[in-house]
Amino acid sequence: MRRLLLLPCAALCACATLQASSEAADFTLKAVDGSTVSLSEHLGKKVIVLDFWATWCVPCQAEMPHLQAMYERHKDQGLLVLGIDMDGPETVAQVGSWTSGHGITFPMLLDEDTRAVSVYNPHHSAPFTVIIGKDGKIKSAREGFNPGDEKDLEKTVVALLGAPPAAEPAKAP
């Protein structure tokens, strides 16, 4: 079942640890390229989309091209998308080839010890997307993906960036 959660001030999950308007908790994870990424490096500077996903998750695979396109459109305005992979030991080796084979250029992080998952996505939902504002506070979260969800996600991101909305293609007379 798909749930859309846009939370002005309500609890995000059944757990009380993650709430909209609360400060984003820091984590440091290894990226597919071998580097390490700490959330704190970007807090207060960028709008951050945390996307919890896995290679075996069909809705995650459907969502990924939309995240990539949104990242390309808005990265110069201060958007950072961080893919947080939740694959287990049996499939984690596929993450690098999957992301490169699908043209994903935003940082892809491996959460093999479930450090970030336990804080942000304790139910291990996939996909699960958290948006953090430039102020370092959680703004919204969404579980699942259905076609059309990407439009709502991008509207939220654009509003947080303070960017003008992308122009709609002109319609023929």
C-alpha atoms as a PDB file:
ATOM      1  CA  MET A   1       0.000   0.000   0.000  1.00  0.00           C
ATOM      2  CA  ARG A   2       1.347   3.421  -0.968  1.00  0.00           C
ATOM      3  CA  ARG A   3       1.308   6.250   1.543  1.00  0.00           C
ATOM      4  CA  LEU A   4       2.142   9.871   0.899  1.00  0.00           C
ATOM      5  CA  LEU A   5       3.384  11.743   3.926  1.00  0.00           C
ATOM      6  CA  LEU A   6       3.835  15.493   3.716  1.00  0.00           C
ATOM      7  CA  LEU A   7       4.285  16.482   7.272  1.00  0.00           C
ATOM      8  CA  PRO A   8       4.091  20.022   8.535  1.00  0.00           C
ATOM      9  CA  CYS A   9       4.650  19.058  12.184  1.00  0.00           C
ATOM     10  CA  ALA A  10       3.347  15.521  12.671  1.00  0.00           C
ATOM     11  CA  ALA A  11       5.273  12.389  13.541  1.00  0.00           C
ATOM     12  CA  LEU A  12       6.664  10.720  10.466  1.00  0.00           C
ATOM     13  CA  CYS A  13       6.505   7.046  11.362  1.00  0.00           C
ATOM     14  CA  ALA A  14       5.062   5.005  14.135  1.00  0.00           C
ATOM     15  CA  CYS A  15       8.351   5.778  15.828  1.00  0.00           C
ATOM     16  CA  ALA A  16       8.717   9.191  17.427  1.00  0.00           C
ATOM     17  CA  THR A  17      12.393   9.586  16.546  1.00  0.00           C
ATOM     18  CA  LEU A  18      11.796  11.112  13.097  1.00  0.00           C
ATOM     19  CA  GLN A  19       9.561  14.149  12.912  1.00  0.00           C
ATOM     20  CA  ALA A  20       9.026  16.844  10.335  1.00  0.00           C
ATOM     21  CA  SER A  21      10.717  20.049  11.446  1.00  0.00           C
ATOM     22  CA  SER A  22      13.213  18.083  13.535  1.00  0.00           C
ATOM     23  CA  GLU A  23      16.927  18.374  12.930  1.00  0.00           C
ATOM     24  CA  ALA A  24      18.313  15.825  10.482  1.00  0.00           C
ATOM     25  CA  ALA A  25      20.566  13.279  12.173  1.00  0.00           C
ATOM     26  CA  ASP A  26      24.068  12.970  10.779  1.00  0.00           C
ATOM     27  CA  PHE A  27      25.534   9.789   9.322  1.00  0.00           C
ATOM     28  CA  THR A  28      28.635   8.848   7.387  1.00  0.00           C
ATOM     29  CA  LEU A  29      28.463   6.119   4.755  1.00  0.00           C
ATOM     30  CA  LYS A  30      30.752   4.686   2.135  1.00  0.00           C
ATOM     31  CA  ALA A  31      29.810   5.509  -1.455  1.00  0.00           C
ATOM     32  CA  VAL A  32      29.899   3.059  -4.340  1.00  0.00           C
ATOM     33  CA  ASP A  33      32.914   4.957  -5.740  1.00  0.00           C
ATOM     34  CA  GLY A  34      34.889   4.280  -2.523  1.00  0.00           C
ATOM     35  CA  SER A  35      34.592   7.772  -1.047  1.00  0.00           C
ATOM     36  CA  THR A  36      32.808   8.509   2.207  1.00  0.00           C
ATOM     37  CA  VAL A  37      29.936  10.949   2.513  1.00  0.00           C
ATOM     38  CA  SER A  38      28.745  12.585   5.718  1.00  0.00           C
ATOM     39  CA  LEU A  39      25.334  14.187   5.732  1.00  0.00           C
ATOM     40  CA  SER A  40      26.720  16.985   7.932  1.00  0.00           C
ATOM     41  CA  GLU A  41      28.958  18.125   5.031  1.00  0.00           C
ATOM     42  CA  HIS A  42      25.829  19.311   3.221  1.00  0.00           C
ATOM     43  CA  LEU A  43      23.399  20.264   5.992  1.00  0.00           C
ATOM     44  CA  GLY A  44      22.611  23.962   6.017  1.00  0.00           C
ATOM     45  CA  LYS A  45      23.916  24.342   2.462  1.00  0.00           C
ATOM     46  CA  LYS A  46      21.660  22.264   0.219  1.00  0.00           C
ATOM     47  CA  VAL A  47      18.213  20.783  -0.105  1.00  0.00           C
ATOM     48  CA  ILE A  48      18.850  17.070   0.357  1.00  0.00           C
ATOM     49  CA  VAL A  49      16.759  14.162  -0.861  1.00  0.00           C
ATOM     50  CA  LEU A  50      17.559  10.864   0.855  1.00  0.00           C
ATOM     51  CA  ASP A  51      16.254   7.992  -1.228  1.00  0.00           C
ATOM     52  CA  PHE A  52      16.288   4.600   0.482  1.00  0.00           C
ATOM     53  CA  TRP A  53      16.169   1.898  -2.178  1.00  0.00           C
ATOM     54  CA  ALA A  54      17.411  -1.547  -3.211  1.00  0.00           C
ATOM     55  CA  THR A  55      18.292  -3.224  -6.511  1.00  0.00           C
ATOM     56  CA  TRP A  56      15.605  -5.879  -5.992  1.00  0.00           C
ATOM     57  CA  CYS A  57      12.852  -3.263  -5.512  1.00  0.00           C
ATOM     58  CA  VAL A  58      10.804  -2.743  -8.682  1.00  0.00           C
ATOM     59  CA  PRO A  59       9.205   0.566  -7.567  1.00  0.00           C
ATOM     60  CA  CYS A  60      12.697   1.804  -6.649  1.00  0.00           C
ATOM     61  CA  GLN A  61      13.901   1.029 -10.163  1.00  0.00           C
ATOM     62  CA  ALA A  62      10.923   2.923 -11.606  1.00  0.00           C
ATOM     63  CA  GLU A  63      11.590   5.951  -9.390  1.00  0.00           C
ATOM     64  CA  MET A  64      15.334   6.184 -10.011  1.00  0.00           C
ATOM     65  CA  PRO A  65      15.249   7.803 -13.505  1.00  0.00           C
ATOM     66  CA  HIS A  66      12.937  10.515 -12.140  1.00  0.00           C
ATOM     67  CA  LEU A  67      15.307  11.227  -9.262  1.00  0.00           C
ATOM     68  CA  GLN A  68      18.214  11.415 -11.699  1.00  0.00           C
ATOM     69  CA  ALA A  69      16.346  13.840 -13.978  1.00  0.00           C
ATOM     70  CA  MET A  70      15.325  16.033 -11.023  1.00  0.00           C
ATOM     71  CA  TYR A  71      18.909  15.999  -9.753  1.00  0.00           C
ATOM     72  CA  GLU A  72      20.225  17.106 -13.149  1.00  0.00           C
ATOM     73  CA  ARG A  73      17.653  19.921 -13.387  1.00  0.00           C
ATOM     74  CA  HIS A  74      18.285  21.323  -9.921  1.00  0.00           C
ATOM     75  CA  LYS A  75      21.785  20.379  -8.727  1.00  0.00           C
ATOM     76  CA  ASP A  76      23.171  23.787  -9.729  1.00  0.00           C
ATOM     77  CA  GLN A  77      20.470  25.442  -7.603  1.00  0.00           C
ATOM     78  CA  GLY A  78      21.524  23.530  -4.486  1.00  0.00           C
ATOM     79  CA  LEU A  79      19.865  20.105  -4.692  1.00  0.00           C
ATOM     80  CA  LEU A  80      21.694  17.013  -3.533  1.00  0.00           C
ATOM     81  CA  VAL A  81      20.185  13.560  -3.986  1.00  0.00           C
ATOM     82  CA  LEU A  82      21.748  10.788  -1.933  1.00  0.00           C
ATOM     83  CA  GLY A  83      20.763   7.253  -2.846  1.00  0.00           C
ATOM     84  CA  ILE A  84      21.002   5.026   0.220  1.00  0.00           C
ATOM     85  CA  ASP A  85      21.129   1.407  -0.802  1.00  0.00           C
ATOM     86  CA  MET A  86      19.559  -1.171   1.490  1.00  0.00           C
ATOM     87  CA  ASP A  87      20.686  -4.313  -0.351  1.00  0.00           C
ATOM     88  CA  GLY A  88      21.833  -7.187   1.801  1.00  0.00           C
ATOM     89  CA  PRO A  89      25.075  -9.154   1.456  1.00  0.00           C
ATOM     90  CA  GLU A  90      23.637 -11.315  -1.337  1.00  0.00           C
ATOM     91  CA  THR A  91      22.917  -8.357  -3.692  1.00  0.00           C
ATOM     92  CA  VAL A  92      25.032  -5.396  -2.536  1.00  0.00           C
ATOM     93  CA  ALA A  93      27.723  -6.217  -5.121  1.00  0.00           C
ATOM     94  CA  GLN A  94      25.206  -5.335  -7.864  1.00  0.00           C
ATOM     95  CA  VAL A  95      24.680  -1.740  -6.718  1.00  0.00           C
ATOM     96  CA  GLY A  96      27.607  -0.163  -8.572  1.00  0.00           C
ATOM     97  CA  SER A  97      26.892  -1.847 -11.882  1.00  0.00           C
ATOM     98  CA  TRP A  98      23.150  -1.163 -11.568  1.00  0.00           C
ATOM     99  CA  THR A  99      23.597   2.556 -10.938  1.00  0.00           C
ATOM    100  CA  SER A 100      26.240   3.073 -13.605  1.00  0.00           C
ATOM    101  CA  GLY A 101      24.263   0.990 -16.094  1.00  0.00           C
ATOM    102  CA  HIS A 102      21.229   3.216 -15.522  1.00  0.00           C
ATOM    103  CA  GLY A 103      23.134   6.503 -15.740  1.00  0.00           C
ATOM    104  CA  ILE A 104      22.764   7.465 -12.084  1.00  0.00           C
ATOM    105  CA  THR A 105      25.245  10.218 -11.275  1.00  0.00           C
ATOM    106  CA  PHE A 106      24.185  11.358  -7.809  1.00  0.00           C
ATOM    107  CA  PRO A 107      26.076   9.817  -4.879  1.00  0.00           C
ATOM    108  CA  MET A 108      25.050   6.243  -4.141  1.00  0.00           C
ATOM    109  CA  LEU A 109      25.751   5.235  -0.558  1.00  0.00           C
ATOM    110  CA  LEU A 110      25.937   1.741   0.916  1.00  0.00           C
ATOM    111  CA  ASP A 111      24.239   1.321   4.281  1.00  0.00           C
ATOM    112  CA  GLU A 112      25.336  -2.223   5.012  1.00  0.00           C
ATOM    113  CA  ASP A 113      25.237  -1.624   8.787  1.00  0.00           C
ATOM    114  CA  THR A 114      21.822   0.119   8.528  1.00  0.00           C
ATOM    115  CA  ARG A 115      23.111   3.247  10.281  1.00  0.00           C
ATOM    116  CA  ALA A 116      21.008   5.693   8.262  1.00  0.00           C
ATOM    117  CA  VAL A 117      18.145   3.238   7.742  1.00  0.00           C
ATOM    118  CA  SER A 118      17.661   2.733  11.480  1.00  0.00           C
ATOM    119  CA  VAL A 119      17.266   6.491  12.013  1.00  0.00           C
ATOM    120  CA  TYR A 120      15.326   7.579   8.931  1.00  0.00           C
ATOM    121  CA  ASN A 121      13.580   4.430   7.704  1.00  0.00           C
ATOM    122  CA  PRO A 122      13.205   2.010  10.634  1.00  0.00           C
ATOM    123  CA  HIS A 123      10.522  -0.011   8.832  1.00  0.00           C
ATOM    124  CA  HIS A 124      12.960  -0.596   5.940  1.00  0.00           C
ATOM    125  CA  SER A 125      10.417   0.598   3.378  1.00  0.00           C
ATOM    126  CA  ALA A 126      11.608   0.707  -0.200  1.00  0.00           C
ATOM    127  CA  PRO A 127      11.557   3.182  -1.695  1.00  0.00           C
ATOM    128  CA  PHE A 128      11.411   5.673   1.130  1.00  0.00           C
ATOM    129  CA  THR A 129      12.265   9.311   0.463  1.00  0.00           C
ATOM    130  CA  VAL A 130      13.115  11.998   3.021  1.00  0.00           C
ATOM    131  CA  ILE A 131      13.515  15.662   2.114  1.00  0.00           C
ATOM    132  CA  ILE A 132      15.752  17.872   4.241  1.00  0.00           C
ATOM    133  CA  GLY A 133      15.638  21.646   3.801  1.00  0.00           C
ATOM    134  CA  LYS A 134      18.577  24.021   3.603  1.00  0.00           C
ATOM    135  CA  ASP A 135      17.993  24.716   7.288  1.00  0.00           C
ATOM    136  CA  GLY A 136      18.978  21.116   8.094  1.00  0.00           C
ATOM    137  CA  LYS A 137      15.452  20.165   9.158  1.00  0.00           C
ATOM    138  CA  ILE A 138      13.310  17.320   7.868  1.00  0.00           C
ATOM    139  CA  LYS A 139      10.558  18.731   5.670  1.00  0.00           C
ATOM    140  CA  SER A 140       8.723  15.672   4.385  1.00  0.00           C
ATOM    141  CA  ALA A 141       8.883  11.965   3.752  1.00  0.00           C
ATOM    142  CA  ARG A 142       7.190   9.588   1.366  1.00  0.00           C
ATOM    143  CA  GLU A 143       6.913   5.832   1.284  1.00  0.00           C
ATOM    144  CA  GLY A 144       6.606   3.946  -2.006  1.00  0.00           C
ATOM    145  CA  PHE A 145       6.428   5.151  -5.587  1.00  0.00           C
ATOM    146  CA  ASN A 146       3.655   5.322  -8.142  1.00  0.00           C
ATOM    147  CA  PRO A 147       3.789   7.140 -11.486  1.00  0.00           C
ATOM    148  CA  GLY A 148       3.036  10.801 -10.857  1.00  0.00           C
ATOM    149  CA  ASP A 149       4.659  10.884  -7.397  1.00  0.00           C
ATOM    150  CA  GLU A 150       7.738  12.436  -8.976  1.00  0.00           C
ATOM    151  CA  LYS A 151       5.761  15.610  -9.772  1.00  0.00           C
ATOM    152  CA  ASP A 152       4.796  16.123  -6.121  1.00  0.00           C
ATOM    153  CA  LEU A 153       8.355  15.423  -5.025  1.00  0.00           C
ATOM    154  CA  GLU A 154       9.768  17.948  -7.461  1.00  0.00           C
ATOM    155  CA  LYS A 155       7.223  20.613  -6.442  1.00  0.00           C
ATOM    156  CA  THR A 156       8.336  20.216  -2.847  1.00  0.00           C
ATOM    157  CA  VAL A 157      12.021  20.373  -3.805  1.00  0.00           C
ATOM    158  CA  VAL A 158      11.549  23.436  -6.040  1.00  0.00           C
ATOM    159  CA  ALA A 159       9.692  25.253  -3.274  1.00  0.00           C
ATOM    160  CA  LEU A 160      12.501  24.502  -0.806  1.00  0.00           C
ATOM    161  CA  LEU A 161      15.141  25.603  -3.289  1.00  0.00           C
ATOM    162  CA  GLY A 162      13.267  28.842  -3.919  1.00  0.00           C
ATOM    163  CA  ALA A 163      13.759  28.122  -7.602  1.00  0.00           C
ATOM    164  CA  PRO A 164      11.326  29.072 -10.320  1.00  0.00           C
ATOM    165  CA  PRO A 165       9.333  26.052 -11.521  1.00  0.00           C
ATOM    166  CA  ALA A 166      10.603  24.348 -14.663  1.00  0.00           C
ATOM    167  CA  ALA A 167       8.900  25.690 -17.759  1.00  0.00           C
ATOM    168  CA  GLU A 168       6.186  23.533 -19.217  1.00  0.00           C
ATOM    169  CA  PRO A 169       6.611  22.733 -22.897  1.00  0.00           C
ATOM    170  CA  ALA A 170       4.617  25.074 -25.123  1.00  0.00           C
ATOM    171  CA  LYS A 171       1.424  23.602 -26.489  1.00  0.00           C
ATOM    172  CA  ALA A 172       0.785  23.685 -30.199  1.00  0.00           C
ATOM    173  CA  PRO A 173      -2.091  25.984 -31.226  1.00  0.00           C
END
